[in-house]
Each structure stands twice: as C-alpha cells, then as structure tokens.
Amino acid sequence: MTKDKTVIGRAERVKFPSLGGETLYARIDTGAKTSSIWATDIKETEKGLLVRFSSPEHSIYRHEQLFKHYDRVRVASSMGHAQVRYRVKMQIVIRRRRIMATFTLSDRSTQVYPVLIGRATLNGKFIVDVQKGSPLRDEEAKRSEILQSEIREEHV
C-alpha cells in the first residue's frame, strides 16, 4: 500500500527532529532539483562533518550536528552559477509527514527562507498548490523591494 500524496503550498513550516524539532520556514521550489538548508560553521573533522545551521539569531543555531556520512556535489543555480557544496541526509517533517531527505549545505543568509525544498524531496510524496501554505509575505515583500532598488537601468 502506498501513501497518498500530501498537498503543500509554495512555502511551508517544517521541522528537523535532529535540530531540536523547532519550526523553520521553507520555500517549496519545483524548479530546483535539490533541497538546501542554511548552514554555517562547517568543519571537516576526523569524526565527520560538524555543522551549525542558520545564524546565531535563530534557535537551531545552538544545535551542532555531526554527519558521519556526507559528500560534495556540484550545484548549478538557475542563473548558471556553479558551486561545490557539502551534501547530507536529514529527517524532515513537512505537514506531519516525516521523511528522509538529501540537503546541500549553503549560505542562504540573503534569502527569505532558510530552507529550500526541491523536486528530489517532493517527488512521489507531495503535490504543490501555490495558493496554499504559510508564506512569509512581509519578508518576501521587503526582499523584493531590496532587489528592485538594486536594479539600475541605463538610458541611452
């Protein structure tokens, strides 16, 4: 018997049990293949990859996690920029559904959402309805305003 697909919106509250189960907001992005989470203080040690997530202002920052199994992958953005990132597996809870997902570790400090959920995590488990979810509307509007102010048009 297979589980039914869960309907989610363009942004969702998610939890990571290994990070204290605190709620984070995630952007659901069907255009992205991989999922990513904001990571800082990444250190390779003899025991594995030691990671802190987000920034000191966020509650998950106090949870340091050791990953014994990890690798590095090349990730290309929609703008064509490529970078090498660490990749780990973590449990995530989306709409009360607990799944194991693969995340690349990235600096998302300039993004509204500290977590991005891509197609590889969504496939076979979720259906995205952009009219649903829990978007951070005020934060999105502020970020859009900043981006718009940075656009410089040259007139000929």
Foldseek 3Di string as FASTA:
>chain_A
DDDDAAEAAQKAWKFFVQLVRDTFIEGEDAPAAAKAAEWDPWDQDPQAIWIAGDDPVDSSRVRIDGANDKDWDWGADPVGDIDIFIKDWTWMATPNDIDIGIYTYDHCVLPLGRIYHYDVNRPPHHDYDHVHHDDPVVSVVVSVVVVVVPDDDDDD
